[in-house]
N, C-alpha and C. Protein backbone atom coordinates (compact mmCIF):
# COMPACT_ATOMS: atom_id res chain seq x y z
N MET A 1 0.84 -1.08 0.08
CA MET A 1 0.02 0.03 -0.07
C MET A 1 0.76 1.47 -0.08
N ASN A 2 0.71 2.41 -0.80
CA ASN A 2 1.21 3.54 -1.03
C ASN A 2 0.52 4.10 -0.03
N ILE A 3 0.78 4.79 1.50
CA ILE A 3 0.63 5.23 2.63
C ILE A 3 0.21 6.52 2.35
N GLU A 4 1.34 7.14 1.59
CA GLU A 4 1.06 8.82 1.40
C GLU A 4 -0.06 8.86 0.58
N LEU A 5 -0.17 8.33 -0.80
CA LEU A 5 -1.16 8.33 -1.88
C LEU A 5 -2.64 8.24 -0.75
N ALA A 6 -2.85 6.89 -0.10
CA ALA A 6 -3.98 6.24 0.46
C ALA A 6 -4.45 7.46 1.61
N ARG A 7 -3.52 8.21 1.80
CA ARG A 7 -3.87 9.06 2.99
C ARG A 7 -4.59 10.37 2.41
N GLU A 8 -4.03 10.80 1.20
CA GLU A 8 -4.48 11.80 0.55
C GLU A 8 -5.89 11.47 -0.45
N GLN A 9 -6.00 10.26 -0.98
CA GLN A 9 -7.03 9.99 -1.23
C GLN A 9 -8.12 10.10 -0.37
N MET A 10 -7.98 9.43 1.13
CA MET A 10 -8.73 9.96 2.11
C MET A 10 -9.15 10.93 2.63
N LEU A 11 -8.10 12.12 2.24
CA LEU A 11 -8.51 13.54 2.34
C LEU A 11 -9.33 14.10 1.57
N GLY A 12 -9.00 13.58 0.34
CA GLY A 12 -9.76 14.35 -0.77
C GLY A 12 -11.14 13.33 -0.95
N GLN A 13 -11.07 12.21 -1.01
CA GLN A 13 -12.26 11.82 -1.81
C GLN A 13 -13.38 11.17 -0.36
N GLN A 14 -12.87 11.48 0.65
CA GLN A 14 -14.11 11.17 1.91
C GLN A 14 -13.89 12.24 2.84
N VAL A 15 -13.05 12.58 3.07
CA VAL A 15 -13.14 14.06 4.16
C VAL A 15 -13.58 15.44 3.57
N ARG A 16 -13.03 15.82 2.53
CA ARG A 16 -13.16 16.93 1.81
C ARG A 16 -14.96 16.67 1.03
N ALA A 17 -14.71 15.83 0.29
CA ALA A 17 -15.97 15.57 -0.07
C ALA A 17 -17.35 15.33 0.64
N TRP A 18 -17.05 15.46 2.01
CA TRP A 18 -18.01 15.03 2.89
C TRP A 18 -18.42 16.76 3.74
N GLU A 19 -17.61 18.30 3.08
CA GLU A 19 -17.90 19.38 3.28
C GLU A 19 -16.77 19.88 4.47
N VAL A 20 -15.81 19.12 4.66
CA VAL A 20 -14.57 19.58 5.61
C VAL A 20 -13.74 20.28 4.93
N LEU A 21 -13.93 21.16 5.02
CA LEU A 21 -12.76 22.45 4.12
C LEU A 21 -12.02 22.97 4.97
N ASP A 22 -12.09 23.26 6.33
CA ASP A 22 -11.22 23.65 7.11
C ASP A 22 -9.81 23.34 6.91
N GLU A 23 -9.13 24.07 6.40
CA GLU A 23 -7.74 23.68 5.96
C GLU A 23 -6.80 23.39 7.40
N ARG A 24 -7.59 23.94 8.60
CA ARG A 24 -6.28 23.52 9.74
C ARG A 24 -7.11 21.87 10.21
N VAL A 25 -8.33 21.56 10.07
CA VAL A 25 -8.34 20.27 10.05
C VAL A 25 -7.72 19.27 9.61
N LEU A 26 -8.21 19.74 7.88
CA LEU A 26 -7.19 18.86 6.98
C LEU A 26 -5.72 18.77 7.35
N THR A 27 -4.85 19.55 7.86
CA THR A 27 -3.42 19.45 7.97
C THR A 27 -3.52 18.74 9.36
N ALA A 28 -4.26 18.88 10.02
CA ALA A 28 -4.05 17.97 11.31
C ALA A 28 -4.23 16.83 10.73
N MET A 29 -5.55 16.00 10.21
CA MET A 29 -5.74 14.78 9.88
C MET A 29 -4.42 14.15 8.78
N ARG A 30 -3.62 15.22 8.18
CA ARG A 30 -2.64 14.83 7.23
C ARG A 30 -1.37 14.39 8.28
N THR A 31 -1.35 15.30 8.81
CA THR A 31 -0.06 15.25 9.98
C THR A 31 0.00 14.21 11.00
N VAL A 32 -1.27 14.05 11.19
CA VAL A 32 -1.28 12.86 12.59
C VAL A 32 -1.11 11.43 11.56
N PRO A 33 -0.12 10.65 11.47
CA PRO A 33 -0.22 9.20 10.99
C PRO A 33 -1.38 8.16 11.30
N ARG A 34 -2.45 8.36 10.63
CA ARG A 34 -3.46 7.26 11.33
C ARG A 34 -2.96 6.33 11.18
N GLU A 35 -2.36 5.74 10.01
CA GLU A 35 -1.89 4.26 10.13
C GLU A 35 -1.34 3.85 11.53
N ALA A 36 -0.54 4.74 12.24
CA ALA A 36 -0.01 4.13 13.49
C ALA A 36 -1.13 4.28 14.71
N PHE A 37 -2.13 4.74 14.44
CA PHE A 37 -3.12 4.38 15.73
C PHE A 37 -3.89 3.13 15.36
N VAL A 38 -3.77 2.26 14.33
CA VAL A 38 -4.57 1.83 13.79
C VAL A 38 -4.12 0.07 14.59
N PRO A 39 -4.83 -0.90 14.91
CA PRO A 39 -4.70 -1.92 15.05
C PRO A 39 -3.59 -2.65 14.12
N ASP A 40 -2.71 -3.64 14.42
CA ASP A 40 -1.80 -3.96 13.30
C ASP A 40 -2.88 -4.77 12.41
N ALA A 41 -3.88 -5.60 12.72
CA ALA A 41 -4.56 -6.43 12.37
C ALA A 41 -5.12 -5.87 11.33
N TYR A 42 -5.28 -4.41 11.06
CA TYR A 42 -6.67 -3.73 10.57
C TYR A 42 -5.83 -2.80 9.64
N LEU A 43 -4.57 -2.98 9.68
CA LEU A 43 -3.63 -2.21 8.62
C LEU A 43 -4.19 -1.44 7.21
N GLU A 44 -4.48 -2.60 7.15
CA GLU A 44 -4.91 -2.32 5.41
C GLU A 44 -6.73 -1.18 5.65
N LEU A 45 -7.17 -1.22 6.51
CA LEU A 45 -8.28 -0.46 6.92
C LEU A 45 -8.19 1.04 7.24
N ALA A 46 -6.68 1.61 7.01
CA ALA A 46 -6.69 2.79 8.12
C ALA A 46 -6.99 3.94 7.48
N PHE A 47 -7.29 3.47 6.29
CA PHE A 47 -7.40 5.01 5.12
C PHE A 47 -8.79 4.29 4.50
N ALA A 48 -9.64 3.60 4.66
CA ALA A 48 -10.79 3.17 4.25
C ALA A 48 -11.95 3.44 4.73
N ASP A 49 -12.85 3.78 3.97
CA ASP A 49 -14.22 4.64 4.50
C ASP A 49 -14.86 3.88 5.54
N THR A 50 -14.78 3.25 6.45
CA THR A 50 -15.19 2.43 7.07
C THR A 50 -14.79 2.25 8.55
N THR A 51 -15.21 1.76 9.67
CA THR A 51 -14.78 1.76 10.90
C THR A 51 -13.74 0.62 11.34
N VAL A 52 -13.00 1.06 12.06
CA VAL A 52 -12.12 -0.05 12.54
C VAL A 52 -12.27 -0.40 13.91
N PRO A 53 -12.25 -2.03 14.38
CA PRO A 53 -12.37 -2.89 15.13
C PRO A 53 -11.05 -2.52 16.29
N LEU A 54 -11.61 -2.10 17.49
CA LEU A 54 -10.38 -1.84 18.54
C LEU A 54 -10.38 -2.67 19.44
N GLY A 55 -11.89 -3.52 19.90
CA GLY A 55 -11.71 -4.54 20.64
C GLY A 55 -12.65 -4.42 21.70
N HIS A 56 -13.22 -4.88 22.73
CA HIS A 56 -14.32 -4.56 23.88
C HIS A 56 -15.77 -3.84 22.94
N GLY A 57 -15.69 -4.53 21.74
CA GLY A 57 -16.97 -3.96 21.25
C GLY A 57 -16.75 -2.43 20.57
N GLU A 58 -15.87 -2.02 20.46
CA GLU A 58 -15.33 -0.68 20.35
C GLU A 58 -15.16 -0.43 18.77
N GLU A 59 -15.20 0.78 18.24
CA GLU A 59 -14.72 0.98 16.74
C GLU A 59 -14.28 2.70 16.80
N MET A 60 -13.03 2.63 15.90
CA MET A 60 -12.42 3.94 15.76
C MET A 60 -13.60 4.54 14.61
N LEU A 61 -13.59 5.58 14.45
CA LEU A 61 -14.93 6.25 13.71
C LEU A 61 -13.87 6.31 12.21
N THR A 62 -15.21 6.75 11.59
CA THR A 62 -14.98 6.98 10.13
C THR A 62 -13.72 8.19 9.84
N PRO A 63 -12.88 8.31 9.04
CA PRO A 63 -12.29 9.25 8.48
C PRO A 63 -13.23 10.61 8.40
N MET A 64 -14.45 10.47 7.89
CA MET A 64 -15.33 11.43 7.55
C MET A 64 -15.95 12.05 8.66
N VAL A 65 -16.43 11.04 9.59
CA VAL A 65 -17.00 11.51 10.97
C VAL A 65 -15.87 12.18 11.78
N GLU A 66 -14.64 12.07 11.60
CA GLU A 66 -13.85 12.56 12.55
C GLU A 66 -13.14 14.00 11.64
N GLY A 67 -13.55 14.13 10.61
CA GLY A 67 -13.38 15.46 9.94
C GLY A 67 -14.47 16.30 10.35
N ARG A 68 -15.95 15.63 10.48
CA ARG A 68 -16.87 16.47 10.47
C ARG A 68 -16.69 17.12 12.23
N LEU A 69 -16.18 16.02 13.02
CA LEU A 69 -16.30 16.16 14.46
C LEU A 69 -15.36 17.42 14.57
N LEU A 70 -14.21 17.24 14.07
CA LEU A 70 -13.40 18.55 14.10
C LEU A 70 -13.28 19.69 13.84
N GLN A 71 -13.69 19.88 12.36
CA GLN A 71 -15.04 21.06 12.09
C GLN A 71 -15.25 21.54 12.65
N ALA A 72 -16.59 20.96 13.40
CA ALA A 72 -17.74 21.59 13.87
C ALA A 72 -17.06 22.25 15.23
N LEU A 73 -16.43 21.65 16.17
CA LEU A 73 -15.74 22.14 17.02
C LEU A 73 -15.10 23.44 17.38
N GLY A 74 -14.65 23.79 15.82
CA GLY A 74 -13.82 25.20 15.52
C GLY A 74 -12.87 25.42 16.83
N LEU A 75 -11.83 24.81 16.84
CA LEU A 75 -10.79 24.59 17.78
C LEU A 75 -9.74 26.26 17.45
N GLY A 76 -9.83 26.27 18.62
CA GLY A 76 -8.38 27.41 18.92
C GLY A 76 -7.18 26.67 19.58
N VAL A 77 -6.04 27.56 19.22
CA VAL A 77 -4.57 26.94 19.48
C VAL A 77 -4.68 26.97 21.23
N LEU A 78 -6.03 27.97 21.95
CA LEU A 78 -5.27 28.45 23.42
C LEU A 78 -6.79 27.08 24.09
N ASP A 79 -7.63 26.50 23.07
CA ASP A 79 -8.74 25.53 23.81
C ASP A 79 -8.37 24.74 24.40
N ARG A 80 -9.10 24.67 25.72
CA ARG A 80 -8.81 23.17 26.13
C ARG A 80 -9.72 22.59 26.00
N VAL A 81 -9.76 21.43 25.49
CA VAL A 81 -10.64 20.48 24.83
C VAL A 81 -10.74 19.04 25.98
N LEU A 82 -12.00 18.38 26.08
CA LEU A 82 -12.14 17.02 26.69
C LEU A 82 -12.68 16.24 25.62
N GLU A 83 -11.96 15.02 25.75
CA GLU A 83 -12.67 13.82 24.85
C GLU A 83 -12.99 12.80 25.71
N ILE A 84 -14.49 12.53 25.24
CA ILE A 84 -14.68 10.89 26.08
C ILE A 84 -15.11 10.05 24.79
N GLY A 85 -14.06 9.11 25.54
CA GLY A 85 -13.72 7.52 24.68
C GLY A 85 -12.36 7.90 23.49
N THR A 86 -11.46 7.47 24.54
CA THR A 86 -10.17 7.97 23.77
C THR A 86 -9.93 6.97 22.60
N GLY A 87 -9.89 5.44 22.89
CA GLY A 87 -10.07 4.71 21.52
C GLY A 87 -8.64 4.64 21.30
N SER A 88 -8.31 4.56 20.20
CA SER A 88 -7.00 4.15 19.39
C SER A 88 -6.01 5.18 20.03
N GLY A 89 -6.26 6.68 20.36
CA GLY A 89 -6.00 7.94 20.43
C GLY A 89 -5.58 8.54 19.41
N TYR A 90 -6.34 8.17 18.03
CA TYR A 90 -5.99 9.42 16.90
C TYR A 90 -6.60 10.41 16.95
N LEU A 91 -7.78 10.40 17.65
CA LEU A 91 -8.54 11.79 17.26
C LEU A 91 -7.87 12.79 18.81
N ALA A 92 -7.59 11.97 19.73
CA ALA A 92 -7.00 12.90 20.81
C ALA A 92 -5.70 13.51 19.97
N ALA A 93 -4.83 12.84 19.06
CA ALA A 93 -3.99 13.37 18.64
C ALA A 93 -4.28 14.58 17.70
N CYS A 94 -5.35 14.13 16.74
CA CYS A 94 -5.50 15.19 15.94
C CYS A 94 -5.86 16.61 16.77
N LEU A 95 -6.78 16.42 17.88
CA LEU A 95 -7.47 17.33 18.55
C LEU A 95 -6.23 18.09 19.10
N ALA A 96 -4.86 17.49 19.61
CA ALA A 96 -4.02 18.16 20.13
C ALA A 96 -3.10 19.12 19.14
N GLN A 97 -3.22 18.83 18.06
CA GLN A 97 -2.51 19.74 16.84
C GLN A 97 -3.51 21.00 16.83
N LEU A 98 -4.69 20.84 16.89
CA LEU A 98 -5.79 22.23 16.76
C LEU A 98 -5.60 22.77 17.91
N ALA A 99 -5.67 22.22 19.40
CA ALA A 99 -6.44 22.85 20.46
C ALA A 99 -4.89 23.16 21.65
N GLY A 100 -5.02 24.14 22.33
CA GLY A 100 -4.13 24.34 23.74
C GLY A 100 -3.87 22.90 24.11
N GLN A 101 -4.57 22.25 24.91
CA GLN A 101 -4.65 21.47 26.06
C GLN A 101 -5.68 20.43 26.02
N VAL A 102 -5.64 19.01 25.68
CA VAL A 102 -6.36 17.91 25.41
C VAL A 102 -6.50 17.10 26.60
N THR A 103 -7.62 16.70 27.23
CA THR A 103 -7.69 15.40 28.48
C THR A 103 -8.82 14.95 28.03
N SER A 104 -8.52 13.34 27.80
CA SER A 104 -9.01 12.14 27.12
C SER A 104 -8.93 10.98 27.99
N ILE A 105 -10.54 10.93 28.40
CA ILE A 105 -10.76 9.51 29.13
C ILE A 105 -11.56 8.45 28.42
N ASP A 106 -11.35 7.53 28.78
CA ASP A 106 -11.70 6.07 28.33
C ASP A 106 -11.85 5.07 29.68
N ILE A 107 -12.87 4.27 29.61
CA ILE A 107 -13.26 3.34 30.36
C ILE A 107 -12.48 2.45 30.64
N HIS A 108 -11.86 1.86 29.16
CA HIS A 108 -10.70 0.98 28.99
C HIS A 108 -9.74 0.82 29.39
N ASP A 109 -8.81 0.51 30.46
CA ASP A 109 -7.56 0.86 30.50
C ASP A 109 -6.64 0.48 29.96
N ASP A 110 -6.72 -0.73 29.22
CA ASP A 110 -5.80 -1.01 28.14
C ASP A 110 -5.45 0.15 26.69
N PHE A 111 -6.93 0.60 26.48
CA PHE A 111 -7.02 1.49 25.45
C PHE A 111 -6.24 3.10 25.85
N VAL A 112 -6.38 3.32 26.96
CA VAL A 112 -5.64 4.23 28.12
C VAL A 112 -4.11 3.94 27.87
N VAL A 113 -3.63 3.06 27.92
CA VAL A 113 -1.94 2.63 28.20
C VAL A 113 -1.75 2.57 26.68
N ALA A 114 -2.52 2.02 25.68
CA ALA A 114 -1.99 1.77 24.20
C ALA A 114 -1.89 3.16 23.61
N ALA A 115 -2.70 3.78 23.73
CA ALA A 115 -3.34 4.89 22.85
C ALA A 115 -2.06 6.17 23.82
N GLY A 116 -1.89 5.93 25.10
CA GLY A 116 -0.80 6.89 25.41
C GLY A 116 0.65 6.76 24.83
N ALA A 117 0.88 5.62 24.87
CA ALA A 117 2.58 5.11 23.75
C ALA A 117 2.17 5.61 22.80
N ARG A 118 1.24 5.26 21.75
CA ARG A 118 1.01 6.18 20.58
C ARG A 118 1.48 7.51 20.56
N LEU A 119 0.38 8.43 21.35
CA LEU A 119 0.90 9.64 21.27
C LEU A 119 2.03 10.14 21.77
N ALA A 120 3.07 9.16 22.41
CA ALA A 120 4.60 9.63 23.00
C ALA A 120 4.93 9.35 22.10
N SER A 121 5.09 8.11 20.80
CA SER A 121 5.64 8.15 19.85
C SER A 121 5.70 8.91 19.24
N GLN A 122 4.41 9.68 18.81
CA GLN A 122 4.28 10.79 17.83
C GLN A 122 4.91 12.09 18.57
N GLY A 123 5.22 12.44 19.66
CA GLY A 123 5.84 13.63 20.32
C GLY A 123 4.89 14.25 20.79
N ILE A 124 3.58 13.76 20.91
CA ILE A 124 2.61 14.84 21.25
C ILE A 124 2.61 14.83 22.84
N GLN A 125 2.91 16.47 23.49
CA GLN A 125 3.03 16.46 24.63
C GLN A 125 1.64 17.36 25.42
N ASN A 126 0.70 17.77 24.60
CA ASN A 126 -0.53 18.47 25.26
C ASN A 126 -1.60 17.84 25.28
N ALA A 127 -1.55 16.12 25.29
CA ALA A 127 -2.89 15.61 25.51
C ALA A 127 -2.69 14.62 27.13
N ARG A 128 -3.39 14.61 27.71
CA ARG A 128 -2.97 13.84 29.30
C ARG A 128 -4.10 13.04 28.65
N LEU A 129 -4.24 11.46 29.31
CA LEU A 129 -4.95 10.61 29.13
C LEU A 129 -5.56 10.07 30.44
N GLN A 130 -6.88 9.57 30.76
CA GLN A 130 -7.24 9.08 32.32
C GLN A 130 -8.03 7.76 31.96
N THR A 131 -7.90 6.97 32.87
CA THR A 131 -8.77 5.49 32.56
C THR A 131 -9.99 6.20 33.87
N ALA A 132 -11.51 6.58 33.20
CA ALA A 132 -12.58 6.70 33.84
C ALA A 132 -14.22 6.84 33.26
N ASP A 133 -15.00 6.30 34.06
CA ASP A 133 -15.92 6.36 33.04
C ASP A 133 -16.75 7.49 33.56
N VAL A 134 -17.23 8.03 32.10
CA VAL A 134 -17.56 9.67 31.87
C VAL A 134 -19.18 9.88 33.09
N PHE A 135 -19.68 8.20 33.50
CA PHE A 135 -21.02 8.69 34.39
C PHE A 135 -20.52 8.62 35.76
N SER A 136 -19.52 8.35 35.86
CA SER A 136 -19.17 8.98 37.34
C SER A 136 -17.95 9.76 37.31
N PHE A 137 -17.45 10.57 36.20
CA PHE A 137 -16.52 11.39 36.34
C PHE A 137 -16.97 12.68 36.65
N ARG A 138 -15.78 13.55 37.51
CA ARG A 138 -16.21 14.54 37.87
C ARG A 138 -14.66 15.92 37.51
N PRO A 139 -14.55 16.07 36.62
CA PRO A 139 -13.71 16.71 36.02
C PRO A 139 -13.46 18.33 36.87
N ALA A 140 -11.94 18.24 37.21
CA ALA A 140 -11.40 19.87 38.04
C ALA A 140 -11.46 20.94 37.30
N GLU A 141 -12.18 20.83 36.10
CA GLU A 141 -11.89 22.03 35.31
C GLU A 141 -13.21 22.04 34.29
N THR A 142 -13.22 23.55 33.70
CA THR A 142 -14.20 23.52 32.60
C THR A 142 -13.66 23.36 31.01
N PHE A 143 -14.28 22.99 29.92
CA PHE A 143 -13.37 22.91 28.60
C PHE A 143 -14.36 24.10 27.80
N ASP A 144 -13.39 24.28 27.09
CA ASP A 144 -13.42 25.07 25.44
C ASP A 144 -14.60 24.26 24.73
N ALA A 145 -14.44 22.93 24.62
CA ALA A 145 -14.94 21.78 23.71
C ALA A 145 -14.70 20.70 24.23
N ILE A 146 -16.05 19.96 24.18
CA ILE A 146 -16.22 18.51 24.22
C ILE A 146 -16.32 17.22 23.74
N ALA A 147 -15.92 16.39 23.08
CA ALA A 147 -15.90 15.77 21.84
C ALA A 147 -16.03 14.10 22.54
N VAL A 148 -17.41 13.50 22.26
CA VAL A 148 -18.00 12.72 22.73
C VAL A 148 -18.12 11.49 21.36
N THR A 149 -17.02 10.55 21.73
CA THR A 149 -17.03 9.79 20.44
C THR A 149 -17.80 8.19 20.51
N GLY A 150 -18.84 8.06 21.60
CA GLY A 150 -19.80 7.16 21.60
C GLY A 150 -20.84 8.13 21.56
N SER A 151 -21.96 7.07 21.26
CA SER A 151 -23.30 7.67 21.21
C SER A 151 -23.71 7.55 22.66
N LEU A 152 -24.88 8.25 22.81
CA LEU A 152 -25.74 8.24 24.09
C LEU A 152 -27.17 8.09 23.31
N PRO A 153 -27.90 7.52 24.18
CA PRO A 153 -29.44 7.20 23.87
C PRO A 153 -30.13 8.55 24.16
N GLN A 154 -29.87 9.39 25.07
CA GLN A 154 -30.22 10.68 25.16
C GLN A 154 -29.37 11.70 25.43
N PHE A 155 -29.55 12.93 25.50
CA PHE A 155 -28.85 13.86 25.46
C PHE A 155 -28.35 14.19 27.35
N ASP A 156 -27.23 14.26 27.60
CA ASP A 156 -26.98 14.06 28.50
C ASP A 156 -26.05 15.74 29.26
N GLU A 157 -27.24 16.48 29.77
CA GLU A 157 -26.92 18.08 30.38
C GLU A 157 -25.75 17.97 31.45
N ARG A 158 -25.45 16.92 32.14
CA ARG A 158 -24.66 17.16 33.20
C ARG A 158 -23.29 17.10 32.15
N ILE A 159 -23.10 16.52 30.85
CA ILE A 159 -21.80 16.79 30.58
C ILE A 159 -21.79 18.42 29.62
N ALA A 160 -22.89 18.79 29.41
CA ALA A 160 -22.89 20.16 28.74
C ALA A 160 -22.33 21.09 30.08
N SER A 161 -22.50 20.85 31.10
CA SER A 161 -22.43 21.69 32.24
C SER A 161 -20.72 21.91 32.19
N TRP A 162 -19.85 21.18 31.87
CA TRP A 162 -18.41 21.10 31.79
C TRP A 162 -18.10 21.89 30.80
N LEU A 163 -19.25 22.75 30.12
CA LEU A 163 -18.50 23.86 29.05
C LEU A 163 -18.26 25.23 29.75
N ASN A 164 -17.54 25.72 28.99
CA ASN A 164 -17.44 27.35 29.41
C ASN A 164 -17.84 28.25 28.27
N PRO A 165 -18.67 29.31 28.82
CA PRO A 165 -19.93 29.92 28.36
C PRO A 165 -18.86 30.16 26.69
N GLY A 166 -19.74 30.24 25.97
CA GLY A 166 -18.99 29.81 24.54
C GLY A 166 -18.95 28.78 24.21
N GLY A 167 -18.73 27.57 24.64
CA GLY A 167 -18.08 26.40 24.59
C GLY A 167 -19.08 25.60 23.85
N ARG A 168 -18.22 24.75 23.32
CA ARG A 168 -18.83 23.66 21.91
C ARG A 168 -18.87 22.08 22.27
N LEU A 169 -19.98 21.42 22.27
CA LEU A 169 -20.03 19.93 22.76
C LEU A 169 -20.27 19.32 21.40
N PHE A 170 -20.05 18.17 20.68
CA PHE A 170 -20.20 17.11 20.06
C PHE A 170 -20.84 16.07 20.36
N CYS A 171 -21.59 15.70 19.97
CA CYS A 171 -22.02 14.41 20.32
C CYS A 171 -23.30 13.44 19.45
N ILE A 172 -23.45 12.34 19.70
CA ILE A 172 -24.34 11.66 18.63
C ILE A 172 -25.35 11.07 19.47
N ILE A 173 -26.53 11.30 19.24
CA ILE A 173 -27.49 11.17 20.06
C ILE A 173 -28.72 10.53 19.65
N GLY A 174 -28.96 9.18 20.16
CA GLY A 174 -30.17 7.97 19.60
C GLY A 174 -30.04 6.72 19.76
N GLN A 175 -30.55 5.67 19.46
CA GLN A 175 -30.35 4.75 19.32
C GLN A 175 -30.25 3.84 18.09
N ALA A 176 -29.73 2.90 17.44
CA ALA A 176 -29.66 2.24 16.22
C ALA A 176 -30.97 2.05 15.55
N PRO A 177 -31.51 2.42 14.64
CA PRO A 177 -30.71 2.89 13.17
C PRO A 177 -31.00 4.24 13.19
N VAL A 178 -31.28 4.75 14.17
CA VAL A 178 -31.52 6.37 14.04
C VAL A 178 -30.77 7.05 14.82
N MET A 179 -29.50 7.84 14.84
CA MET A 179 -28.63 8.53 15.40
C MET A 179 -28.34 9.78 14.76
N ARG A 180 -28.30 10.86 15.52
CA ARG A 180 -28.02 12.53 15.00
C ARG A 180 -26.83 12.98 15.34
N ALA A 181 -26.04 13.18 14.70
CA ALA A 181 -24.81 14.28 15.18
C ALA A 181 -25.39 15.76 15.57
N LEU A 182 -24.96 15.82 16.98
CA LEU A 182 -25.42 17.64 17.19
C LEU A 182 -24.26 18.13 17.57
N LEU A 183 -23.81 19.39 17.31
CA LEU A 183 -23.15 20.22 17.80
C LEU A 183 -24.11 21.23 19.01
N VAL A 184 -23.34 21.25 20.07
CA VAL A 184 -24.20 21.94 21.35
C VAL A 184 -23.35 23.04 21.50
N THR A 185 -23.62 24.43 21.97
CA THR A 185 -23.03 25.44 22.05
C THR A 185 -23.97 26.20 23.62
N ARG A 186 -22.89 26.02 24.52
CA ARG A 186 -23.15 27.04 25.68
C ARG A 186 -23.09 28.45 25.54
N GLU A 187 -24.04 29.06 24.93
CA GLU A 187 -23.90 30.84 24.70
C GLU A 187 -23.61 31.28 26.23
N GLY A 188 -23.34 32.51 26.19
CA GLY A 188 -22.84 33.83 27.31
C GLY A 188 -23.69 33.59 27.91
N THR A 189 -25.25 33.23 28.08
CA THR A 189 -26.27 33.27 29.04
C THR A 189 -26.03 32.15 29.43
N GLY A 190 -25.27 31.03 29.61
CA GLY A 190 -25.47 30.08 29.62
C GLY A 190 -26.71 29.07 29.07
N GLU A 191 -27.43 29.32 28.45
CA GLU A 191 -28.34 28.61 27.37
C GLU A 191 -27.74 28.00 26.84
N LEU A 192 -28.08 26.78 26.77
CA LEU A 192 -27.83 25.65 25.61
C LEU A 192 -28.59 25.74 24.09
N THR A 193 -27.61 25.58 23.02
CA THR A 193 -28.41 26.04 21.86
C THR A 193 -27.76 24.64 21.20
N SER A 194 -28.62 23.86 19.76
CA SER A 194 -27.99 22.66 19.37
C SER A 194 -28.44 22.77 17.79
N GLU A 195 -27.63 22.53 16.98
CA GLU A 195 -27.53 21.90 15.69
C GLU A 195 -27.41 20.71 14.94
N ALA A 196 -28.40 20.30 14.57
CA ALA A 196 -28.13 19.03 14.25
C ALA A 196 -27.12 18.99 13.19
N LEU A 197 -26.18 18.08 12.73
CA LEU A 197 -24.85 18.02 11.39
C LEU A 197 -25.52 17.08 10.84
N PHE A 198 -25.81 15.80 10.80
CA PHE A 198 -25.57 14.66 10.19
C PHE A 198 -26.26 13.42 10.96
N GLU A 199 -26.46 12.64 10.22
CA GLU A 199 -26.93 11.20 11.07
C GLU A 199 -25.93 10.21 10.54
N THR A 200 -25.55 9.38 11.35
CA THR A 200 -24.78 8.60 11.59
C THR A 200 -25.39 6.90 12.44
N VAL A 201 -24.39 6.05 12.80
CA VAL A 201 -24.64 5.04 13.57
C VAL A 201 -23.40 4.71 14.31
N VAL A 202 -22.68 5.23 16.15
CA VAL A 202 -21.82 4.49 16.42
C VAL A 202 -21.96 3.65 17.74
N PRO A 203 -21.03 2.82 18.40
CA PRO A 203 -21.93 2.17 19.28
C PRO A 203 -21.97 3.07 20.62
N PRO A 204 -22.59 2.67 21.65
CA PRO A 204 -22.57 3.84 22.77
C PRO A 204 -21.76 3.10 23.48
N LEU A 205 -21.62 4.64 24.43
CA LEU A 205 -20.91 4.79 25.30
C LEU A 205 -20.83 3.95 26.47
N ARG A 206 -20.26 2.77 26.76
CA ARG A 206 -20.34 1.91 27.70
C ARG A 206 -21.09 2.54 29.39
N ASN A 207 -22.53 2.04 29.86
CA ASN A 207 -22.81 2.36 30.89
C ASN A 207 -23.43 3.52 30.52
N ALA A 208 -23.84 3.70 29.55
CA ALA A 208 -25.20 4.75 29.07
C ALA A 208 -26.40 4.98 30.08
N PRO A 209 -26.83 5.51 30.54
CA PRO A 209 -28.37 5.52 30.90
C PRO A 209 -29.31 5.30 29.76
N GLN A 210 -30.00 4.26 30.34
CA GLN A 210 -31.15 3.94 28.96
C GLN A 210 -32.46 4.90 29.21
N PRO A 211 -33.01 5.55 28.05
CA PRO A 211 -34.45 6.15 28.72
C PRO A 211 -35.20 5.81 29.26
N SER A 212 -36.30 6.04 29.88
CA SER A 212 -37.07 5.24 30.59
C SER A 212 -37.97 4.99 29.54
N ARG A 213 -38.73 3.85 29.66
CA ARG A 213 -39.72 3.38 29.13
C ARG A 213 -41.04 3.23 29.82
N PHE A 214 -42.20 3.79 29.16
CA PHE A 214 -43.47 3.63 29.61
C PHE A 214 -44.07 1.99 29.72
N ARG A 215 -44.71 1.81 30.70
CA ARG A 215 -45.56 0.75 30.86
C ARG A 215 -46.65 0.26 31.27
N PHE A 216 -47.19 -0.26 30.32
CA PHE A 216 -48.91 -0.76 30.33
C PHE A 216 -49.39 -1.41 31.76
């Protein structure tokens, strides 16, 4: 496989074609070697328009979804970002290219250890990783942006409460086969506004509360 050609085809035929035109995002996705974050058994899928299995029933997002996520957050170089769901570490690496500081949590300790080694091998020093379940997580700070990489059956306002005024939250809400990617913004007044971005299906976050169901 010609890796550089495959990378450019991924960016041109998948990411740009899905309206990701932010040059900072494209540069970040070009700079971070996606092949270094894909499990060896799935290296041939590194640049494919598909999810990549990671274990524990988890998957890497497709390049198109990663690009749309990064573009939607509109990150600045001083922004502090929380990523919920470290996975392979690829998205954390891209976030670190765009923002000032990244905190990434994952419920699977082996993911955190492996992703930390990958980030270190790429010389990325502004991302810190932590093993944690988001549903019992209590951050010591608030953030300018939050990226949730697994789906939620319903919107979780507790996660949105960790946003600074003007902060942006990317999340995927719903249950298969219908899920919507949302960009939620905390306005200066504290009010939350949301914008529907696209439809997709990704695995749910582990331990996500299920919506109550009527009983007759």
